[in-house]
Amino acid sequence: MKSYRVSVEALMGATADKYREMEDGKVFTETLQDEETLEKFKAEVMFSKTPKPGYDELFLVTERGIPIKGGYIKILRKIEEEEPSEITRFESRRLSERKGYMLKSMLREMEAEESKKTREELRKEIMTTELERRLKEKKEKLKL
């Protein structure tokens, strides 16, 4: 039998009381931590106050790190977290160089809506062209 931890505010707090007053068979979503691997994950679980086959132990852990037995849970499914989309980083620019960029990008977005491009494709295109333009300007400055 495996054991899992759930963080609660305090043993007498609302989150701890939620587990004490919970009915057997209740299904809910919770962030758990595996006691063996210390892996944290979100899962849909079924709660039970008594041990049953296929159920694992649940410990409530306060902010002071005190584990208290909270009941038993059965993990129905793990909820996969979405990975963040690709991040484009911009270099900082002077205010005088930034003027008009927002208007240009808004105009391009409006044009893209008319041409049925998705917002994400347009945003990537705008960022890429802007970065290429800045790189070209820097190279020209370095040549002089």
Protein backbone atom coordinates (compact mmCIF):
# COMPACT_ATOMS: atom_id res chain seq x y z
CA MET A 1 0.00 0.00 0.00
CA LYS A 2 1.39 3.36 -1.02
CA SER A 3 0.94 6.54 0.94
CA TYR A 4 0.31 10.09 -0.23
CA ARG A 5 0.41 13.52 1.39
CA VAL A 6 -1.89 16.50 1.07
CA SER A 7 -0.93 19.93 2.40
CA VAL A 8 -3.48 21.58 4.69
CA GLU A 9 -3.37 25.01 6.32
CA ALA A 10 -3.79 23.82 9.92
CA LEU A 11 -5.16 20.75 11.68
CA MET A 12 -8.18 22.74 12.85
CA GLY A 13 -8.54 24.71 9.58
CA ALA A 14 -11.17 24.46 6.88
CA THR A 15 -9.09 22.25 4.56
CA ALA A 16 -8.42 19.67 7.29
CA ASP A 17 -12.09 19.69 8.31
CA LYS A 18 -12.98 18.96 4.67
CA TYR A 19 -11.34 15.53 5.00
CA ARG A 20 -12.79 14.78 8.44
CA GLU A 21 -16.34 15.48 7.28
CA MET A 22 -16.01 13.87 3.84
CA GLU A 23 -18.28 10.94 2.97
CA ASP A 24 -17.01 7.58 1.72
CA GLY A 25 -16.98 7.28 -2.08
CA LYS A 26 -16.74 11.04 -2.70
CA VAL A 27 -14.77 11.85 -5.88
CA PHE A 28 -12.73 15.07 -6.03
CA THR A 29 -9.56 16.56 -7.51
CA GLU A 30 -6.52 17.14 -5.28
CA THR A 31 -2.78 17.82 -5.51
CA LEU A 32 -0.99 14.85 -3.95
CA GLN A 33 2.61 14.07 -3.07
CA ASP A 34 3.90 10.50 -3.22
CA GLU A 35 5.68 9.68 0.06
CA GLU A 36 8.28 7.44 -1.62
CA THR A 37 9.25 9.49 -4.68
CA LEU A 38 8.12 12.94 -3.39
CA GLU A 39 6.52 13.52 -6.80
CA LYS A 40 3.71 16.10 -6.75
CA PHE A 41 0.82 15.67 -9.15
CA LYS A 42 -2.84 16.51 -9.54
CA ALA A 43 -5.27 13.60 -9.57
CA GLU A 44 -8.93 12.72 -9.43
CA VAL A 45 -9.37 10.56 -6.35
CA MET A 46 -12.07 8.66 -4.44
CA PHE A 47 -12.08 9.03 -0.65
CA SER A 48 -12.75 6.45 2.06
CA LYS A 49 -12.48 6.66 5.87
CA THR A 50 -11.77 2.92 6.17
CA PRO A 51 -9.14 0.82 4.36
CA LYS A 52 -10.44 -0.94 1.26
CA PRO A 53 -8.70 -3.02 -1.43
CA GLY A 54 -7.02 -0.78 -4.01
CA TYR A 55 -6.99 2.27 -1.72
CA ASP A 56 -3.81 3.97 -0.47
CA GLU A 57 -3.16 5.87 2.78
CA LEU A 58 -3.63 9.63 2.86
CA PHE A 59 -1.77 11.87 5.30
CA LEU A 60 -2.68 15.49 5.98
CA VAL A 61 0.45 17.63 6.42
CA THR A 62 0.29 21.04 8.09
CA GLU A 63 2.51 24.01 7.32
CA ARG A 64 4.70 22.85 10.23
CA GLY A 65 5.22 19.48 8.50
CA ILE A 66 3.27 17.34 10.94
CA PRO A 67 1.66 14.36 9.12
CA ILE A 68 -1.73 13.22 10.47
CA LYS A 69 -3.64 10.24 9.09
CA GLY A 70 -6.49 11.57 6.96
CA GLY A 71 -8.10 8.47 5.51
CA TYR A 72 -7.67 6.41 2.35
CA ILE A 73 -7.83 7.34 -1.32
CA LYS A 74 -8.02 5.55 -4.64
CA ILE A 75 -6.47 7.38 -7.57
CA LEU A 76 -8.92 7.26 -10.46
CA ARG A 77 -6.77 9.19 -12.93
CA LYS A 78 -3.79 11.52 -12.96
CA ILE A 79 -4.44 14.93 -14.47
CA GLU A 80 -1.71 15.87 -16.91
CA GLU A 81 -0.58 19.48 -16.70
CA GLU A 82 -0.31 21.40 -19.93
CA GLU A 83 3.17 22.37 -20.99
CA PRO A 84 3.63 26.09 -21.60
CA SER A 85 3.66 27.13 -25.23
CA GLU A 86 6.85 28.24 -26.92
CA ILE A 87 8.23 31.45 -25.38
CA THR A 88 9.71 34.20 -27.50
CA ARG A 89 12.01 36.61 -25.71
CA PHE A 90 12.34 40.22 -26.76
CA GLU A 91 15.34 42.40 -26.19
CA SER A 92 14.71 45.63 -24.34
CA ARG A 93 14.45 48.76 -26.46
CA ARG A 94 14.38 52.48 -25.84
CA LEU A 95 11.03 54.16 -25.61
CA SER A 96 11.66 56.04 -28.86
CA GLU A 97 12.18 52.71 -30.67
CA ARG A 98 9.04 51.17 -29.13
CA LYS A 99 6.66 53.87 -30.32
CA GLY A 100 4.23 52.57 -32.86
CA TYR A 101 5.04 48.89 -32.38
CA MET A 102 1.79 48.22 -30.58
CA LEU A 103 -0.22 49.96 -33.27
CA LYS A 104 1.61 48.04 -35.99
CA SER A 105 0.94 44.73 -34.28
CA MET A 106 -2.73 45.61 -33.76
CA LEU A 107 -3.08 46.50 -37.45
CA ARG A 108 -1.40 43.25 -38.45
CA GLU A 109 -3.78 41.33 -36.18
CA MET A 110 -6.77 43.01 -37.79
CA GLU A 111 -5.41 42.17 -41.25
CA ALA A 112 -4.82 38.59 -40.14
CA GLU A 113 -8.38 38.22 -38.92
CA GLU A 114 -9.51 39.28 -42.33
CA SER A 115 -7.21 36.75 -43.96
CA LYS A 116 -8.33 33.98 -41.53
CA LYS A 117 -4.94 33.41 -39.87
CA THR A 118 -5.05 32.24 -36.30
CA ARG A 119 -3.97 34.65 -33.63
CA GLU A 120 -1.12 32.37 -32.52
CA GLU A 121 0.30 32.09 -36.05
CA LEU A 122 0.12 35.85 -36.43
CA ARG A 123 1.76 36.51 -33.07
CA LYS A 124 4.68 34.21 -33.97
CA GLU A 125 5.02 35.87 -37.38
CA ILE A 126 5.00 39.37 -35.88
CA MET A 127 7.54 38.44 -33.21
CA THR A 128 9.81 36.73 -35.72
CA THR A 129 9.78 39.61 -38.21
CA GLU A 130 10.34 42.14 -35.43
CA LEU A 131 13.30 40.17 -34.04
CA GLU A 132 14.80 39.76 -37.52
CA ARG A 133 14.47 43.50 -38.14
CA ARG A 134 16.20 44.32 -34.84
CA LEU A 135 19.00 41.87 -35.58
CA LYS A 136 19.52 43.45 -39.00
CA GLU A 137 19.68 46.92 -37.42
CA LYS A 138 22.26 45.75 -34.85
CA LYS A 139 24.42 44.18 -37.55
CA GLU A 140 24.32 47.42 -39.55
CA LYS A 141 25.34 49.42 -36.48
CA LEU A 142 28.22 47.05 -35.78
CA LYS A 143 29.49 47.34 -39.36
CA LEU A 144 29.74 51.13 -39.07
